C-alpha atoms as a PDB file:
ATOM      1  CA  MET A   1       0.172   0.028  -0.063  1.00  0.00           C
ATOM      2  CA  LYS A   2       2.752   2.484   0.747  1.00  0.00           C
ATOM      3  CA  ARG A   3       4.486   2.029  -2.372  1.00  0.00           C
ATOM      4  CA  ILE A   4       1.112   2.647  -4.242  1.00  0.00           C
ATOM      5  CA  ILE A   5       0.809   5.773  -2.215  1.00  0.00           C
ATOM      6  CA  PHE A   6       4.456   6.684  -2.916  1.00  0.00           C
ATOM      7  CA  SER A   7       3.890   5.917  -6.657  1.00  0.00           C
ATOM      8  CA  TYR A   8       1.089   8.228  -6.965  1.00  0.00           C
ATOM      9  CA  PHE A   9       2.654  11.186  -5.206  1.00  0.00           C
ATOM     10  CA  PHE A  10       5.981  10.490  -7.375  1.00  0.00           C
ATOM     11  CA  LEU A  11       3.847  10.616 -10.372  1.00  0.00           C
ATOM     12  CA  LEU A  12       1.615  13.750  -9.188  1.00  0.00           C
ATOM     13  CA  PHE A  13       4.924  15.651  -8.253  1.00  0.00           C
ATOM     14  CA  THR A  14       6.694  14.784 -11.738  1.00  0.00           C
ATOM     15  CA  LEU A  15       3.586  16.043 -13.477  1.00  0.00           C
ATOM     16  CA  LEU A  16       3.566  19.143 -11.101  1.00  0.00           C
ATOM     17  CA  PHE A  17       7.237  19.751 -11.768  1.00  0.00           C
ATOM     18  CA  THR A  18       6.672  19.744 -15.307  1.00  0.00           C
ATOM     19  CA  ASN A  19       3.997  22.036 -15.116  1.00  0.00           C
ATOM     20  CA  CYS A  20       6.285  24.301 -13.566  1.00  0.00           C
ATOM     21  CA  LYS A  21       8.631  24.437 -16.139  1.00  0.00           C
ATOM     22  CA  ASN A  22       5.768  25.081 -18.310  1.00  0.00           C
ATOM     23  CA  SER A  23       4.504  27.892 -16.309  1.00  0.00           C
ATOM     24  CA  GLU A  24       8.182  29.414 -16.079  1.00  0.00           C
ATOM     25  CA  LYS A  25       8.260  29.766 -19.953  1.00  0.00           C
ATOM     26  CA  ASN A  26       4.730  31.166 -19.956  1.00  0.00           C
ATOM     27  CA  ASN A  27       5.613  33.877 -16.861  1.00  0.00           C
ATOM     28  CA  SER A  28       8.548  34.832 -18.827  1.00  0.00           C
ATOM     29  CA  GLN A  29       6.568  35.664 -21.750  1.00  0.00           C
ATOM     30  CA  GLY A  30       3.977  37.853 -19.451  1.00  0.00           C
ATOM     31  CA  LYS A  31       1.232  35.199 -18.925  1.00  0.00           C
ATOM     32  CA  GLY A  32       0.180  33.813 -16.076  1.00  0.00           C
ATOM     33  CA  ASN A  33       0.348  35.422 -12.423  1.00  0.00           C
ATOM     34  CA  SER A  34       3.188  34.229  -9.977  1.00  0.00           C
ATOM     35  CA  SER A  35       4.900  35.858  -6.946  1.00  0.00           C
ATOM     36  CA  GLU A  36       7.336  34.744  -4.193  1.00  0.00           C
ATOM     37  CA  VAL A  37       6.181  34.125  -0.957  1.00  0.00           C
ATOM     38  CA  SER A  38       7.937  33.968   2.178  1.00  0.00           C
ATOM     39  CA  PHE A  39       9.312  30.656   3.863  1.00  0.00           C
ATOM     40  CA  SER A  40      11.245  29.851   7.049  1.00  0.00           C
ATOM     41  CA  VAL A  41      14.069  27.145   7.461  1.00  0.00           C
ATOM     42  CA  LEU A  42      13.016  25.010  10.557  1.00  0.00           C
ATOM     43  CA  SER A  43      15.672  22.323  10.370  1.00  0.00           C
ATOM     44  CA  GLU A  44      18.415  21.267   8.102  1.00  0.00           C
ATOM     45  CA  GLY A  45      21.094  18.749   8.404  1.00  0.00           C
ATOM     46  CA  ASN A  46      22.760  15.365   7.050  1.00  0.00           C
ATOM     47  CA  ASN A  47      21.386  12.536   9.053  1.00  0.00           C
ATOM     48  CA  GLY A  48      17.677  12.489   8.208  1.00  0.00           C
ATOM     49  CA  GLY A  49      15.320   9.397   8.294  1.00  0.00           C
ATOM     50  CA  PHE A  50      14.599   8.987   5.157  1.00  0.00           C
ATOM     51  CA  GLU A  51      16.407   6.596   2.783  1.00  0.00           C
ATOM     52  CA  GLN A  52      14.824   7.963  -0.660  1.00  0.00           C
ATOM     53  CA  ASP A  53      14.767  11.214  -2.461  1.00  0.00           C
ATOM     54  CA  THR A  54      11.328  12.808  -0.657  1.00  0.00           C
ATOM     55  CA  LEU A  55       9.355  15.384  -1.123  1.00  0.00           C
ATOM     56  CA  LEU A  56       6.665  15.404   2.313  1.00  0.00           C
ATOM     57  CA  LEU A  57       4.008  18.043   2.487  1.00  0.00           C
ATOM     58  CA  ILE A  58       2.611  18.511   6.203  1.00  0.00           C
ATOM     59  CA  ARG A  59      -0.535  20.384   6.934  1.00  0.00           C
ATOM     60  CA  ASP A  60      -1.814  19.768  10.436  1.00  0.00           C
ATOM     61  CA  GLY A  61      -0.051  18.791  13.434  1.00  0.00           C
ATOM     62  CA  GLU A  62      -0.747  14.899  13.509  1.00  0.00           C
ATOM     63  CA  GLU A  63       1.399  14.824  10.114  1.00  0.00           C
ATOM     64  CA  MET A  64       3.986  16.904  11.779  1.00  0.00           C
ATOM     65  CA  LYS A  65       4.472  14.331  14.528  1.00  0.00           C
ATOM     66  CA  ALA A  66       4.748  11.352  12.131  1.00  0.00           C
ATOM     67  CA  GLY A  67       7.270  13.391   9.776  1.00  0.00           C
ATOM     68  CA  TRP A  68       9.116  14.593  12.558  1.00  0.00           C
ATOM     69  CA  LYS A  69       9.567  11.356  13.873  1.00  0.00           C
ATOM     70  CA  LYS A  70      10.487   9.764  10.452  1.00  0.00           C
ATOM     71  CA  LEU A  71      12.917  12.674  10.096  1.00  0.00           C
ATOM     72  CA  PHE A  72      14.692  12.111  12.871  1.00  0.00           C
ATOM     73  CA  SER A  73      14.576   8.176  13.435  1.00  0.00           C
ATOM     74  CA  ASN A  74      18.716   7.920  13.061  1.00  0.00           C
ATOM     75  CA  PHE A  75      18.681   9.942  16.488  1.00  0.00           C
ATOM     76  CA  VAL A  76      18.948   8.057  19.919  1.00  0.00           C
ATOM     77  CA  GLU A  77      17.055  11.692  21.342  1.00  0.00           C
ATOM     78  CA  GLN A  78      14.864  13.861  18.516  1.00  0.00           C
ATOM     79  CA  PRO A  79      15.418  17.452  18.655  1.00  0.00           C
ATOM     80  CA  ASP A  80      12.499  19.376  19.916  1.00  0.00           C
ATOM     81  CA  MET A  81       9.697  19.691  16.864  1.00  0.00           C
ATOM     82  CA  PRO A  82       9.360  23.336  15.813  1.00  0.00           C
ATOM     83  CA  SER A  83       6.002  25.034  17.089  1.00  0.00           C
ATOM     84  CA  VAL A  84       4.022  25.595  13.688  1.00  0.00           C
ATOM     85  CA  ASN A  85       0.789  27.503  13.409  1.00  0.00           C
ATOM     86  CA  PHE A  86      -0.998  25.143  10.752  1.00  0.00           C
ATOM     87  CA  THR A  87      -4.137  27.910  10.532  1.00  0.00           C
ATOM     88  CA  ASN A  88      -1.548  29.963   8.353  1.00  0.00           C
ATOM     89  CA  GLN A  89       1.222  27.708   7.578  1.00  0.00           C
ATOM     90  CA  MET A  90       2.182  24.125   6.535  1.00  0.00           C
ATOM     91  CA  VAL A  91       5.694  22.453   6.378  1.00  0.00           C
ATOM     92  CA  VAL A  92       7.543  20.871   3.555  1.00  0.00           C
ATOM     93  CA  ILE A  93      10.200  18.384   4.178  1.00  0.00           C
ATOM     94  CA  LEU A  94      12.826  17.557   1.392  1.00  0.00           C
ATOM     95  CA  SER A  95      15.363  14.889   1.528  1.00  0.00           C
ATOM     96  CA  MET A  96      17.927  13.756  -1.035  1.00  0.00           C
ATOM     97  CA  GLY A  97      17.642  10.057   0.400  1.00  0.00           C
ATOM     98  CA  GLU A  98      21.066   7.696   1.247  1.00  0.00           C
ATOM     99  CA  LYS A  99      24.553   9.342  -0.251  1.00  0.00           C
ATOM    100  CA  ASN A 100      27.597   7.514   0.164  1.00  0.00           C
ATOM    101  CA  SER A 101      29.676  10.614   1.578  1.00  0.00           C
ATOM    102  CA  GLY A 102      29.246  13.799   2.878  1.00  0.00           C
ATOM    103  CA  GLY A 103      29.293  16.956   1.069  1.00  0.00           C
ATOM    104  CA  TYR A 104      25.727  16.776  -0.141  1.00  0.00           C
ATOM    105  CA  SER A 105      23.050  19.427   1.261  1.00  0.00           C
ATOM    106  CA  ILE A 106      19.954  21.029  -0.011  1.00  0.00           C
ATOM    107  CA  GLU A 107      19.383  24.753  -0.128  1.00  0.00           C
ATOM    108  CA  VAL A 108      15.848  26.247  -0.702  1.00  0.00           C
ATOM    109  CA  SER A 109      16.356  29.719  -2.926  1.00  0.00           C
ATOM    110  CA  LYS A 110      12.822  30.642  -3.487  1.00  0.00           C
ATOM    111  CA  VAL A 111       9.255  29.447  -3.100  1.00  0.00           C
ATOM    112  CA  VAL A 112       6.863  30.850  -5.822  1.00  0.00           C
ATOM    113  CA  GLU A 113       2.919  30.970  -5.925  1.00  0.00           C
ATOM    114  CA  LYS A 114       1.213  30.453  -9.366  1.00  0.00           C
ATOM    115  CA  ASP A 115      -2.239  30.094 -10.047  1.00  0.00           C
ATOM    116  CA  LEU A 116      -2.730  26.641  -8.987  1.00  0.00           C
ATOM    117  CA  GLN A 117       0.224  25.542  -6.869  1.00  0.00           C
ATOM    118  CA  LEU A 118       3.217  26.584  -4.915  1.00  0.00           C
ATOM    119  CA  ALA A 119       6.722  25.987  -6.153  1.00  0.00           C
ATOM    120  CA  VAL A 120       9.693  25.414  -4.112  1.00  0.00           C
ATOM    121  CA  PHE A 121      12.841  26.081  -5.961  1.00  0.00           C
ATOM    122  CA  ALA A 122      15.756  23.772  -4.268  1.00  0.00           C
ATOM    123  CA  ASN A 123      19.553  23.271  -5.224  1.00  0.00           C
ATOM    124  CA  TYR A 124      20.398  19.975  -4.754  1.00  0.00           C
ATOM    125  CA  ILE A 125      24.233  20.145  -3.843  1.00  0.00           C
ATOM    126  CA  SER A 126      26.487  17.677  -4.474  1.00  0.00           C
ATOM    127  CA  PRO A 127      30.493  17.264  -3.838  1.00  0.00           C
ATOM    128  CA  GLY A 128      32.774  17.739  -6.793  1.00  0.00           C
ATOM    129  CA  GLN A 129      35.663  15.701  -7.893  1.00  0.00           C
ATOM    130  CA  ASN A 130      38.066  17.585  -5.958  1.00  0.00           C
ATOM    131  CA  CYS A 131      36.155  17.828  -2.681  1.00  0.00           C
ATOM    132  CA  ILE A 132      37.323  16.090   0.401  1.00  0.00           C
ATOM    133  CA  VAL A 133      34.453  14.574   2.236  1.00  0.00           C
ATOM    134  CA  ALA A 134      33.562  12.338   4.633  1.00  0.00           C
ATOM    135  CA  GLU A 135      33.706   8.766   4.079  1.00  0.00           C
ATOM    136  CA  VAL A 136      30.110   8.226   5.823  1.00  0.00           C
ATOM    137  CA  ILE A 137      26.706   7.776   4.925  1.00  0.00           C
ATOM    138  CA  SER A 138      24.614  10.841   4.850  1.00  0.00           C
ATOM    139  CA  TYR A 139      21.126  11.735   4.452  1.00  0.00           C
ATOM    140  CA  PRO A 140      20.758  15.446   3.978  1.00  0.00           C
ATOM    141  CA  PHE A 141      17.521  17.240   4.435  1.00  0.00           C
ATOM    142  CA  VAL A 142      15.657  20.446   5.044  1.00  0.00           C
ATOM    143  CA  VAL A 143      12.579  21.479   6.570  1.00  0.00           C
ATOM    144  CA  ILE A 144      10.498  24.637   5.493  1.00  0.00           C
ATOM    145  CA  SER A 145       7.357  26.298   6.719  1.00  0.00           C
ATOM    146  CA  ILE A 146       5.546  28.431   3.772  1.00  0.00           C
ATOM    147  CA  PRO A 147       1.964  30.193   3.858  1.00  0.00           C
ATOM    148  CA  GLN A 148      -1.198  27.393   4.296  1.00  0.00           C
ATOM    149  CA  LYS A 149      -2.844  27.421   0.710  1.00  0.00           C
ATOM    150  CA  ASP A 150      -5.064  25.284  -0.583  1.00  0.00           C
ATOM    151  CA  LYS A 151      -2.635  24.434  -3.459  1.00  0.00           C
ATOM    152  CA  LEU A 152      -0.689  21.627  -4.972  1.00  0.00           C
ATOM    153  CA  VAL A 153       3.246  21.724  -4.015  1.00  0.00           C
ATOM    154  CA  ALA A 154       5.655  21.218  -6.598  1.00  0.00           C
ATOM    155  CA  ILE A 155       9.480  20.940  -6.377  1.00  0.00           C
ATOM    156  CA  SER A 156      11.830  22.395  -8.825  1.00  0.00           C
ATOM    157  CA  LYS A 157      14.913  20.850  -8.223  1.00  0.00           C
ATOM    158  CA  ASN A 158      18.338  22.248  -9.385  1.00  0.00           C
ATOM    159  CA  ASN A 159      21.213  19.956  -9.265  1.00  0.00           C
ATOM    160  CA  VAL A 160      24.414  21.609  -8.652  1.00  0.00           C
ATOM    161  CA  ILE A 161      28.055  20.543  -8.307  1.00  0.00           C
ATOM    162  CA  SER A 162      30.257  22.639  -5.739  1.00  0.00           C
ATOM    163  CA  GLU A 163      33.720  22.807  -7.066  1.00  0.00           C
ATOM    164  CA  CYS A 164      36.154  22.681  -4.265  1.00  0.00           C
ATOM    165  CA  LYS A 165      39.522  24.122  -4.131  1.00  0.00           C
END
């Protein structure tokens, strides 16, 4: 059942991602409405509990408890869950899944509200060939809060390779 739900959400977000790309082209041509919205980083790190690339949208306290528990399942003591007012905010958890070394991270650059969706623009940063990184399995993640909207949420990933010198 989990596999079916995951597949459904993967397909949905893939379609939304494609729609984001098309919307960006339309907006650059002066069509459609879009505006940046504020977001706050609630947590970020390299030892999250999601083993696969994940986008998790959280709209209430019970979902937050479950998401927070899963995110910090690798910890003996979980950090305190941030206080979020779900009447006007929602939470997005992004995870890169399991990586074979350190040097990976996720950086949200902006969130844009469009007609039918909110688009989260994120840089998925990987270490370059010249980077010296920890030889340890890592699970990079970021948790952000965004305004509560009755819209679909899509992610626009920008894969970035960090060139260390």
